[in-house]
Amino acid sequence: MPQRVMRAIASPPQMFWAPVELAMMNFLIAGVVMIFGFAFDLNPMWSLALLVINHIILAVIGSREPHAYRILMCWSQANRKTKNLIKTKGNKFVP
């Protein structure tokens, strides 16, 4: 049982050699760009080129750091500013 958990943590899921969450966001953004391209009479090959180039970049990042998405999410959670601080000798949290 512990072996399954460790394997899932040690090697996170990938889609075409890129982290799954980042790859799905890449496909979603490229799809939206393609839809807007159709609306404004642009060539859809631009969105496909955007998709391929971004996915290659994500695959390189994913090969170096397989937990890239988790690192980005933790970084965004850690950089939130606390709004409930009042000025005292030190900072005091007021719920």
PDB file of N, CA and C in Angstrom:
ATOM      1  N   MET A   1       0.810  -1.204   0.000  1.00  0.00           N
ATOM      2  CA  MET A   1       0.000   0.000   0.000  1.00  0.00           C
ATOM      3  C   MET A   1       0.854   1.269   0.000  1.00  0.00           C
ATOM      4  N   PRO A   2       1.842   1.428   0.884  1.00  0.00           N
ATOM      5  CA  PRO A   2       2.637   2.643   0.854  1.00  0.00           C
ATOM      6  C   PRO A   2       3.385   2.820  -0.465  1.00  0.00           C
ATOM      7  N   GLN A   3       3.688   1.725  -1.156  1.00  0.00           N
ATOM      8  CA  GLN A   3       4.419   1.825  -2.407  1.00  0.00           C
ATOM      9  C   GLN A   3       3.603   2.569  -3.461  1.00  0.00           C
ATOM     10  N   ARG A   4       2.298   2.354  -3.513  1.00  0.00           N
ATOM     11  CA  ARG A   4       1.441   3.052  -4.471  1.00  0.00           C
ATOM     12  C   ARG A   4       1.436   4.548  -4.202  1.00  0.00           C
ATOM     13  N   VAL A   5       1.337   4.926  -2.944  1.00  0.00           N
ATOM     14  CA  VAL A   5       1.316   6.343  -2.590  1.00  0.00           C
ATOM     15  C   VAL A   5       2.636   6.989  -2.965  1.00  0.00           C
ATOM     16  N   MET A   6       3.735   6.346  -2.642  1.00  0.00           N
ATOM     17  CA  MET A   6       5.040   6.920  -2.950  1.00  0.00           C
ATOM     18  C   MET A   6       5.259   7.029  -4.455  1.00  0.00           C
ATOM     19  N   ARG A   7       4.780   6.067  -5.218  1.00  0.00           N
ATOM     20  CA  ARG A   7       4.955   6.121  -6.662  1.00  0.00           C
ATOM     21  C   ARG A   7       4.140   7.274  -7.250  1.00  0.00           C
ATOM     22  N   ALA A   8       2.934   7.504  -6.750  1.00  0.00           N
ATOM     23  CA  ALA A   8       2.111   8.597  -7.256  1.00  0.00           C
ATOM     24  C   ALA A   8       2.729   9.946  -6.915  1.00  0.00           C
ATOM     25  N   ILE A   9       3.363  10.052  -5.776  1.00  0.00           N
ATOM     26  CA  ILE A   9       3.991  11.313  -5.393  1.00  0.00           C
ATOM     27  C   ILE A   9       5.309  11.501  -6.135  1.00  0.00           C
ATOM     28  N   ALA A  10       6.073  10.431  -6.276  1.00  0.00           N
ATOM     29  CA  ALA A  10       7.386  10.536  -6.905  1.00  0.00           C
ATOM     30  C   ALA A  10       7.284  10.807  -8.397  1.00  0.00           C
ATOM     31  N   SER A  11       6.321  10.248  -9.073  1.00  0.00           N
ATOM     32  CA  SER A  11       6.165  10.493 -10.511  1.00  0.00           C
ATOM     33  C   SER A  11       4.723  10.914 -10.786  1.00  0.00           C
ATOM     34  N   PRO A  12       4.463  12.217 -10.797  1.00  0.00           N
ATOM     35  CA  PRO A  12       3.102  12.716 -11.005  1.00  0.00           C
ATOM     36  C   PRO A  12       2.622  12.424 -12.433  1.00  0.00           C
ATOM     37  N   PRO A  13       1.313  12.470 -12.659  1.00  0.00           N
ATOM     38  CA  PRO A  13       0.774  12.155 -13.985  1.00  0.00           C
ATOM     39  C   PRO A  13       1.233  13.159 -15.038  1.00  0.00           C
ATOM     40  N   GLN A  14       1.417  12.661 -16.254  1.00  0.00           N
ATOM     41  CA  GLN A  14       1.842  13.506 -17.363  1.00  0.00           C
ATOM     42  C   GLN A  14       0.971  13.254 -18.575  1.00  0.00           C
ATOM     43  N   MET A  15       0.826  14.284 -19.400  1.00  0.00           N
ATOM     44  CA  MET A  15       0.101  14.170 -20.654  1.00  0.00           C
ATOM     45  C   MET A  15       1.040  14.619 -21.758  1.00  0.00           C
ATOM     46  N   PHE A  16       1.443  13.709 -22.607  1.00  0.00           N
ATOM     47  CA  PHE A  16       2.409  14.001 -23.668  1.00  0.00           C
ATOM     48  C   PHE A  16       3.666  14.652 -23.092  1.00  0.00           C
ATOM     49  N   TRP A  17       4.207  14.080 -22.061  1.00  0.00           N
ATOM     50  CA  TRP A  17       5.471  14.449 -21.406  1.00  0.00           C
ATOM     51  C   TRP A  17       5.425  15.777 -20.653  1.00  0.00           C
ATOM     52  N   ALA A  18       4.268  16.349 -20.432  1.00  0.00           N
ATOM     53  CA  ALA A  18       4.122  17.593 -19.664  1.00  0.00           C
ATOM     54  C   ALA A  18       3.186  17.319 -18.481  1.00  0.00           C
ATOM     55  N   PRO A  19       3.317  18.085 -17.383  1.00  0.00           N
ATOM     56  CA  PRO A  19       2.378  17.905 -16.259  1.00  0.00           C
ATOM     57  C   PRO A  19       0.934  18.093 -16.724  1.00  0.00           C
ATOM     58  N   VAL A  20       0.048  17.241 -16.230  1.00  0.00           N
ATOM     59  CA  VAL A  20      -1.335  17.186 -16.725  1.00  0.00           C
ATOM     60  C   VAL A  20      -2.051  18.527 -16.591  1.00  0.00           C
ATOM     61  N   GLU A  21      -1.957  19.166 -15.432  1.00  0.00           N
ATOM     62  CA  GLU A  21      -2.704  20.401 -15.205  1.00  0.00           C
ATOM     63  C   GLU A  21      -2.237  21.506 -16.148  1.00  0.00           C
ATOM     64  N   LEU A  22      -0.935  21.634 -16.307  1.00  0.00           N
ATOM     65  CA  LEU A  22      -0.405  22.663 -17.197  1.00  0.00           C
ATOM     66  C   LEU A  22      -0.723  22.351 -18.660  1.00  0.00           C
ATOM     67  N   ALA A  23      -0.694  21.081 -19.029  1.00  0.00           N
ATOM     68  CA  ALA A  23      -1.035  20.696 -20.399  1.00  0.00           C
ATOM     69  C   ALA A  23      -2.508  20.985 -20.700  1.00  0.00           C
ATOM     70  N   MET A  24      -3.384  20.700 -19.740  1.00  0.00           N
ATOM     71  CA  MET A  24      -4.809  20.988 -19.952  1.00  0.00           C
ATOM     72  C   MET A  24      -5.067  22.486 -20.085  1.00  0.00           C
ATOM     73  N   MET A  25      -4.373  23.292 -19.267  1.00  0.00           N
ATOM     74  CA  MET A  25      -4.509  24.743 -19.408  1.00  0.00           C
ATOM     75  C   MET A  25      -3.994  25.203 -20.762  1.00  0.00           C
ATOM     76  N   ASN A  26      -2.918  24.588 -21.233  1.00  0.00           N
ATOM     77  CA  ASN A  26      -2.363  24.928 -22.538  1.00  0.00           C
ATOM     78  C   ASN A  26      -3.374  24.627 -23.647  1.00  0.00           C
ATOM     79  N   PHE A  27      -4.010  23.437 -23.605  1.00  0.00           N
ATOM     80  CA  PHE A  27      -5.006  23.081 -24.607  1.00  0.00           C
ATOM     81  C   PHE A  27      -6.214  24.013 -24.542  1.00  0.00           C
ATOM     82  N   LEU A  28      -6.621  24.386 -23.344  1.00  0.00           N
ATOM     83  CA  LEU A  28      -7.761  25.282 -23.182  1.00  0.00           C
ATOM     84  C   LEU A  28      -7.459  26.662 -23.761  1.00  0.00           C
ATOM     85  N   ILE A  29      -6.292  27.200 -23.456  1.00  0.00           N
ATOM     86  CA  ILE A  29      -5.928  28.529 -23.960  1.00  0.00           C
ATOM     87  C   ILE A  29      -5.801  28.503 -25.479  1.00  0.00           C
ATOM     88  N   ALA A  30      -5.182  27.462 -26.031  1.00  0.00           N
ATOM     89  CA  ALA A  30      -5.055  27.360 -27.484  1.00  0.00           C
ATOM     90  C   ALA A  30      -6.429  27.223 -28.148  1.00  0.00           C
ATOM     91  N   GLY A  31      -7.352  26.514 -27.512  1.00  0.00           N
ATOM     92  CA  GLY A  31      -8.707  26.392 -28.049  1.00  0.00           C
ATOM     93  C   GLY A  31      -9.444  27.718 -28.062  1.00  0.00           C
ATOM     94  N   VAL A  32      -9.291  28.484 -26.989  1.00  0.00           N
ATOM     95  CA  VAL A  32      -9.931  29.803 -26.933  1.00  0.00           C
ATOM     96  C   VAL A  32      -9.330  30.725 -27.989  1.00  0.00           C
ATOM     97  N   VAL A  33      -8.013  30.675 -28.153  1.00  0.00           N
ATOM     98  CA  VAL A  33      -7.358  31.494 -29.185  1.00  0.00           C
ATOM     99  C   VAL A  33      -7.857  31.084 -30.570  1.00  0.00           C
ATOM    100  N   MET A  34      -8.063  29.790 -30.793  1.00  0.00           N
ATOM    101  CA  MET A  34      -8.566  29.332 -32.090  1.00  0.00           C
ATOM    102  C   MET A  34      -9.990  29.826 -32.336  1.00  0.00           C
ATOM    103  N   ILE A  35     -10.834  29.779 -31.305  1.00  0.00           N
ATOM    104  CA  ILE A  35     -12.213  30.258 -31.466  1.00  0.00           C
ATOM    105  C   ILE A  35     -12.230  31.753 -31.777  1.00  0.00           C
ATOM    106  N   PHE A  36     -11.415  32.535 -31.051  1.00  0.00           N
ATOM    107  CA  PHE A  36     -11.347  33.966 -31.352  1.00  0.00           C
ATOM    108  C   PHE A  36     -10.720  34.201 -32.720  1.00  0.00           C
ATOM    109  N   GLY A  37      -9.815  33.333 -33.123  1.00  0.00           N
ATOM    110  CA  GLY A  37      -9.234  33.435 -34.465  1.00  0.00           C
ATOM    111  C   GLY A  37     -10.282  33.243 -35.540  1.00  0.00           C
ATOM    112  N   PHE A  38     -11.186  32.284 -35.333  1.00  0.00           N
ATOM    113  CA  PHE A  38     -12.276  32.101 -36.300  1.00  0.00           C
ATOM    114  C   PHE A  38     -13.187  33.318 -36.316  1.00  0.00           C
ATOM    115  N   ALA A  39     -13.417  33.927 -35.169  1.00  0.00           N
ATOM    116  CA  ALA A  39     -14.309  35.093 -35.091  1.00  0.00           C
ATOM    117  C   ALA A  39     -13.711  36.298 -35.814  1.00  0.00           C
ATOM    118  N   PHE A  40     -12.386  36.426 -35.796  1.00  0.00           N
ATOM    119  CA  PHE A  40     -11.736  37.583 -36.401  1.00  0.00           C
ATOM    120  C   PHE A  40     -11.010  37.241 -37.701  1.00  0.00           C
ATOM    121  N   ASP A  41     -11.362  36.132 -38.339  1.00  0.00           N
ATOM    122  CA  ASP A  41     -10.797  35.699 -39.622  1.00  0.00           C
ATOM    123  C   ASP A  41      -9.282  35.576 -39.602  1.00  0.00           C
ATOM    124  N   LEU A  42      -8.755  34.977 -38.541  1.00  0.00           N
ATOM    125  CA  LEU A  42      -7.325  34.701 -38.469  1.00  0.00           C
ATOM    126  C   LEU A  42      -7.080  33.241 -38.838  1.00  0.00           C
ATOM    127  N   ASN A  43      -5.881  32.952 -39.247  1.00  0.00           N
ATOM    128  CA  ASN A  43      -5.508  31.597 -39.615  1.00  0.00           C
ATOM    129  C   ASN A  43      -5.443  30.724 -38.354  1.00  0.00           C
ATOM    130  N   PRO A  44      -6.131  29.584 -38.322  1.00  0.00           N
ATOM    131  CA  PRO A  44      -6.108  28.727 -37.122  1.00  0.00           C
ATOM    132  C   PRO A  44      -4.749  28.068 -36.887  1.00  0.00           C
ATOM    133  N   MET A  45      -3.864  28.109 -37.872  1.00  0.00           N
ATOM    134  CA  MET A  45      -2.538  27.525 -37.688  1.00  0.00           C
ATOM    135  C   MET A  45      -1.746  28.271 -36.621  1.00  0.00           C
ATOM    136  N   TRP A  46      -2.074  29.549 -36.388  1.00  0.00           N
ATOM    137  CA  TRP A  46      -1.388  30.304 -35.325  1.00  0.00           C
ATOM    138  C   TRP A  46      -1.665  29.688 -33.962  1.00  0.00           C
ATOM    139  N   SER A  47      -2.904  29.293 -33.736  1.00  0.00           N
ATOM    140  CA  SER A  47      -3.220  28.696 -32.432  1.00  0.00           C
ATOM    141  C   SER A  47      -2.607  27.303 -32.309  1.00  0.00           C
ATOM    142  N   LEU A  48      -2.528  26.579 -33.413  1.00  0.00           N
ATOM    143  CA  LEU A  48      -1.879  25.266 -33.359  1.00  0.00           C
ATOM    144  C   LEU A  48      -0.374  25.419 -33.111  1.00  0.00           C
ATOM    145  N   ALA A  49       0.227  26.426 -33.729  1.00  0.00           N
ATOM    146  CA  ALA A  49       1.649  26.686 -33.480  1.00  0.00           C
ATOM    147  C   ALA A  49       1.858  27.095 -32.026  1.00  0.00           C
ATOM    148  N   LEU A  50       0.965  27.930 -31.503  1.00  0.00           N
ATOM    149  CA  LEU A  50       1.018  28.320 -30.099  1.00  0.00           C
ATOM    150  C   LEU A  50       0.902  27.100 -29.193  1.00  0.00           C
ATOM    151  N   LEU A  51      -0.001  26.191 -29.532  1.00  0.00           N
ATOM    152  CA  LEU A  51      -0.192  24.972 -28.753  1.00  0.00           C
ATOM    153  C   LEU A  51       1.074  24.120 -28.744  1.00  0.00           C
ATOM    154  N   VAL A  52       1.658  23.895 -29.903  1.00  0.00           N
ATOM    155  CA  VAL A  52       2.832  23.029 -29.998  1.00  0.00           C
ATOM    156  C   VAL A  52       4.036  23.649 -29.303  1.00  0.00           C
ATOM    157  N   ILE A  53       4.283  24.930 -29.528  1.00  0.00           N
ATOM    158  CA  ILE A  53       5.440  25.605 -28.916  1.00  0.00           C
ATOM    159  C   ILE A  53       5.308  25.621 -27.399  1.00  0.00           C
ATOM    160  N   ASN A  54       4.129  25.988 -26.897  1.00  0.00           N
ATOM    161  CA  ASN A  54       3.920  26.010 -25.446  1.00  0.00           C
ATOM    162  C   ASN A  54       4.034  24.619 -24.849  1.00  0.00           C
ATOM    163  N   HIS A  55       3.556  23.607 -25.562  1.00  0.00           N
ATOM    164  CA  HIS A  55       3.627  22.258 -25.013  1.00  0.00           C
ATOM    165  C   HIS A  55       5.070  21.758 -24.981  1.00  0.00           C
ATOM    166  N   ILE A  56       5.863  22.129 -25.959  1.00  0.00           N
ATOM    167  CA  ILE A  56       7.280  21.759 -25.923  1.00  0.00           C
ATOM    168  C   ILE A  56       7.960  22.413 -24.723  1.00  0.00           C
ATOM    169  N   ILE A  57       7.636  23.674 -24.475  1.00  0.00           N
ATOM    170  CA  ILE A  57       8.205  24.370 -23.312  1.00  0.00           C
ATOM    171  C   ILE A  57       7.767  23.689 -22.017  1.00  0.00           C
ATOM    172  N   LEU A  58       6.483  23.324 -21.926  1.00  0.00           N
ATOM    173  CA  LEU A  58       5.986  22.636 -20.735  1.00  0.00           C
ATOM    174  C   LEU A  58       6.624  21.270 -20.558  1.00  0.00           C
ATOM    175  N   ALA A  59       6.897  20.566 -21.661  1.00  0.00           N
ATOM    176  CA  ALA A  59       7.543  19.262 -21.564  1.00  0.00           C
ATOM    177  C   ALA A  59       8.968  19.400 -21.056  1.00  0.00           C
ATOM    178  N   VAL A  60       9.667  20.449 -21.486  1.00  0.00           N
ATOM    179  CA  VAL A  60      11.034  20.673 -20.993  1.00  0.00           C
ATOM    180  C   VAL A  60      10.998  21.009 -19.504  1.00  0.00           C
ATOM    181  N   ILE A  61      10.075  21.888 -19.108  1.00  0.00           N
ATOM    182  CA  ILE A  61       9.944  22.244 -17.691  1.00  0.00           C
ATOM    183  C   ILE A  61       9.529  21.019 -16.880  1.00  0.00           C
ATOM    184  N   GLY A  62       8.612  20.212 -17.416  1.00  0.00           N
ATOM    185  CA  GLY A  62       8.152  19.021 -16.723  1.00  0.00           C
ATOM    186  C   GLY A  62       9.232  17.965 -16.584  1.00  0.00           C
ATOM    187  N   SER A  63      10.154  17.909 -17.526  1.00  0.00           N
ATOM    188  CA  SER A  63      11.231  16.925 -17.395  1.00  0.00           C
ATOM    189  C   SER A  63      12.237  17.352 -16.332  1.00  0.00           C
ATOM    190  N   ARG A  64      12.406  18.658 -16.171  1.00  0.00           N
ATOM    191  CA  ARG A  64      13.321  19.146 -15.137  1.00  0.00           C
ATOM    192  C   ARG A  64      12.670  19.140 -13.759  1.00  0.00           C
ATOM    193  N   GLU A  65      11.423  19.557 -13.685  1.00  0.00           N
ATOM    194  CA  GLU A  65      10.710  19.631 -12.405  1.00  0.00           C
ATOM    195  C   GLU A  65       9.316  19.033 -12.589  1.00  0.00           C
ATOM    196  N   PRO A  66       9.113  17.749 -12.260  1.00  0.00           N
ATOM    197  CA  PRO A  66       7.819  17.110 -12.495  1.00  0.00           C
ATOM    198  C   PRO A  66       6.673  17.698 -11.674  1.00  0.00           C
ATOM    199  N   HIS A  67       6.976  18.357 -10.571  1.00  0.00           N
ATOM    200  CA  HIS A  67       5.934  18.927  -9.715  1.00  0.00           C
ATOM    201  C   HIS A  67       5.770  20.423  -9.958  1.00  0.00           C
ATOM    202  N   ALA A  68       5.931  20.875 -11.193  1.00  0.00           N
ATOM    203  CA  ALA A  68       5.904  22.302 -11.509  1.00  0.00           C
ATOM    204  C   ALA A  68       4.562  22.941 -11.144  1.00  0.00           C
ATOM    205  N   TYR A  69       3.454  22.270 -11.437  1.00  0.00           N
ATOM    206  CA  TYR A  69       2.140  22.839 -11.142  1.00  0.00           C
ATOM    207  C   TYR A  69       1.943  23.008  -9.639  1.00  0.00           C
ATOM    208  N   ARG A  70       2.333  22.005  -8.859  1.00  0.00           N
ATOM    209  CA  ARG A  70       2.189  22.095  -7.401  1.00  0.00           C
ATOM    210  C   ARG A  70       3.054  23.220  -6.839  1.00  0.00           C
ATOM    211  N   ILE A  71       4.248  23.388  -7.387  1.00  0.00           N
ATOM    212  CA  ILE A  71       5.122  24.469  -6.925  1.00  0.00           C
ATOM    213  C   ILE A  71       4.483  25.818  -7.215  1.00  0.00           C
ATOM    214  N   LEU A  72       3.897  25.986  -8.409  1.00  0.00           N
ATOM    215  CA  LEU A  72       3.223  27.247  -8.751  1.00  0.00           C
ATOM    216  C   LEU A  72       2.033  27.512  -7.835  1.00  0.00           C
ATOM    217  N   MET A  73       1.254  26.469  -7.532  1.00  0.00           N
ATOM    218  CA  MET A  73       0.092  26.653  -6.660  1.00  0.00           C
ATOM    219  C   MET A  73       0.516  27.002  -5.240  1.00  0.00           C
ATOM    220  N   CYS A  74       1.532  26.346  -4.718  1.00  0.00           N
ATOM    221  CA  CYS A  74       2.012  26.655  -3.370  1.00  0.00           C
ATOM    222  C   CYS A  74       2.602  28.056  -3.313  1.00  0.00           C
ATOM    223  N   TRP A  75       3.302  28.452  -4.362  1.00  0.00           N
ATOM    224  CA  TRP A  75       3.889  29.792  -4.411  1.00  0.00           C
ATOM    225  C   TRP A  75       2.796  30.859  -4.407  1.00  0.00           C
ATOM    226  N   SER A  76       1.709  30.626  -5.160  1.00  0.00           N
ATOM    227  CA  SER A  76       0.632  31.622  -5.193  1.00  0.00           C
ATOM    228  C   SER A  76      -0.101  31.683  -3.855  1.00  0.00           C
ATOM    229  N   GLN A  77      -0.243  30.556  -3.155  1.00  0.00           N
ATOM    230  CA  GLN A  77      -0.891  30.555  -1.847  1.00  0.00           C
ATOM    231  C   GLN A  77      -0.018  31.245  -0.803  1.00  0.00           C
ATOM    232  N   ALA A  78       1.289  31.088  -0.914  1.00  0.00           N
ATOM    233  CA  ALA A  78       2.196  31.656   0.081  1.00  0.00           C
ATOM    234  C   ALA A  78       2.380  33.160  -0.087  1.00  0.00           C
ATOM    235  N   ASN A  79       2.127  33.684  -1.267  1.00  0.00           N
ATOM    236  CA  ASN A  79       2.360  35.110  -1.519  1.00  0.00           C
ATOM    237  C   ASN A  79       1.116  35.973  -1.317  1.00  0.00           C
ATOM    238  N   ARG A  80       0.094  35.450  -0.692  1.00  0.00           N
ATOM    239  CA  ARG A  80      -1.085  36.270  -0.412  1.00  0.00           C
ATOM    240  C   ARG A  80      -0.802  37.233   0.724  1.00  0.00           C
ATOM    241  N   LYS A  81      -1.274  38.437   0.598  1.00  0.00           N
ATOM    242  CA  LYS A  81      -1.096  39.441   1.642  1.00  0.00           C
ATOM    243  C   LYS A  81      -2.211  39.295   2.680  1.00  0.00           C
ATOM    244  N   THR A  82      -1.840  39.424   3.950  1.00  0.00           N
ATOM    245  CA  THR A  82      -2.817  39.367   5.024  1.00  0.00           C
ATOM    246  C   THR A  82      -3.411  40.755   5.206  1.00  0.00           C
ATOM    247  N   LYS A  83      -4.739  40.841   5.190  1.00  0.00           N
ATOM    248  CA  LYS A  83      -5.413  42.133   5.269  1.00  0.00           C
ATOM    249  C   LYS A  83      -5.767  42.511   6.702  1.00  0.00           C
ATOM    250  N   ASN A  84      -5.721  41.565   7.618  1.00  0.00           N
ATOM    251  CA  ASN A  84      -6.176  41.816   8.979  1.00  0.00           C
ATOM    252  C   ASN A  84      -5.027  42.128   9.929  1.00  0.00           C
ATOM    253  N   LEU A  85      -4.034  42.877   9.486  1.00  0.00           N
ATOM    254  CA  LEU A  85      -2.943  43.273  10.360  1.00  0.00           C
ATOM    255  C   LEU A  85      -3.177  44.716  10.803  1.00  0.00           C
ATOM    256  N   ILE A  86      -2.965  44.977  12.084  1.00  0.00           N
ATOM    257  CA  ILE A  86      -3.070  46.351  12.568  1.00  0.00           C
ATOM    258  C   ILE A  86      -1.702  46.773  13.083  1.00  0.00           C
ATOM    259  N   LYS A  87      -1.443  48.079  13.057  1.00  0.00           N
ATOM    260  CA  LYS A  87      -0.150  48.589  13.504  1.00  0.00           C
ATOM    261  C   LYS A  87      -0.093  48.597  15.018  1.00  0.00           C
ATOM    262  N   THR A  88       0.869  47.923  15.561  1.00  0.00           N
ATOM    263  CA  THR A  88       1.204  47.960  16.983  1.00  0.00           C
ATOM    264  C   THR A  88       2.719  47.939  17.041  1.00  0.00           C
ATOM    265  N   LYS A  89       3.281  47.585  18.191  1.00  0.00           N
ATOM    266  CA  LYS A  89       4.736  47.454  18.252  1.00  0.00           C
ATOM    267  C   LYS A  89       5.232  46.449  17.225  1.00  0.00           C
ATOM    268  N   GLY A  90       4.530  45.342  17.121  1.00  0.00           N
ATOM    269  CA  GLY A  90       4.773  44.353  16.072  1.00  0.00           C
ATOM    270  C   GLY A  90       3.503  44.263  15.261  1.00  0.00           C
ATOM    271  N   ASN A  91       3.426  43.409  14.324  1.00  0.00           N
ATOM    272  CA  ASN A  91       2.174  43.222  13.597  1.00  0.00           C
ATOM    273  C   ASN A  91       1.249  42.327  14.395  1.00  0.00           C
ATOM    274  N   LYS A  92       0.001  42.720  14.511  1.00  0.00           N
ATOM    275  CA  LYS A  92      -0.968  41.945  15.275  1.00  0.00           C
ATOM    276  C   LYS A  92      -2.096  41.531  14.336  1.00  0.00           C
ATOM    277  N   PHE A  93      -2.409  40.259  14.360  1.00  0.00           N
ATOM    278  CA  PHE A  93      -3.480  39.728  13.515  1.00  0.00           C
ATOM    279  C   PHE A  93      -4.804  39.882  14.233  1.00  0.00           C
ATOM    280  N   VAL A  94      -5.787  40.480  13.558  1.00  0.00           N
ATOM    281  CA  VAL A  94      -7.117  40.656  14.111  1.00  0.00           C
ATOM    282  C   VAL A  94      -8.089  39.873  13.243  1.00  0.00           C
ATOM    283  N   PRO A  95      -8.681  38.803  13.764  1.00  0.00           N
ATOM    284  CA  PRO A  95      -9.610  38.011  12.936  1.00  0.00           C
ATOM    285  C   PRO A  95     -10.893  38.744  12.631  1.00  0.00           C
TER     286      PRO A  95
END
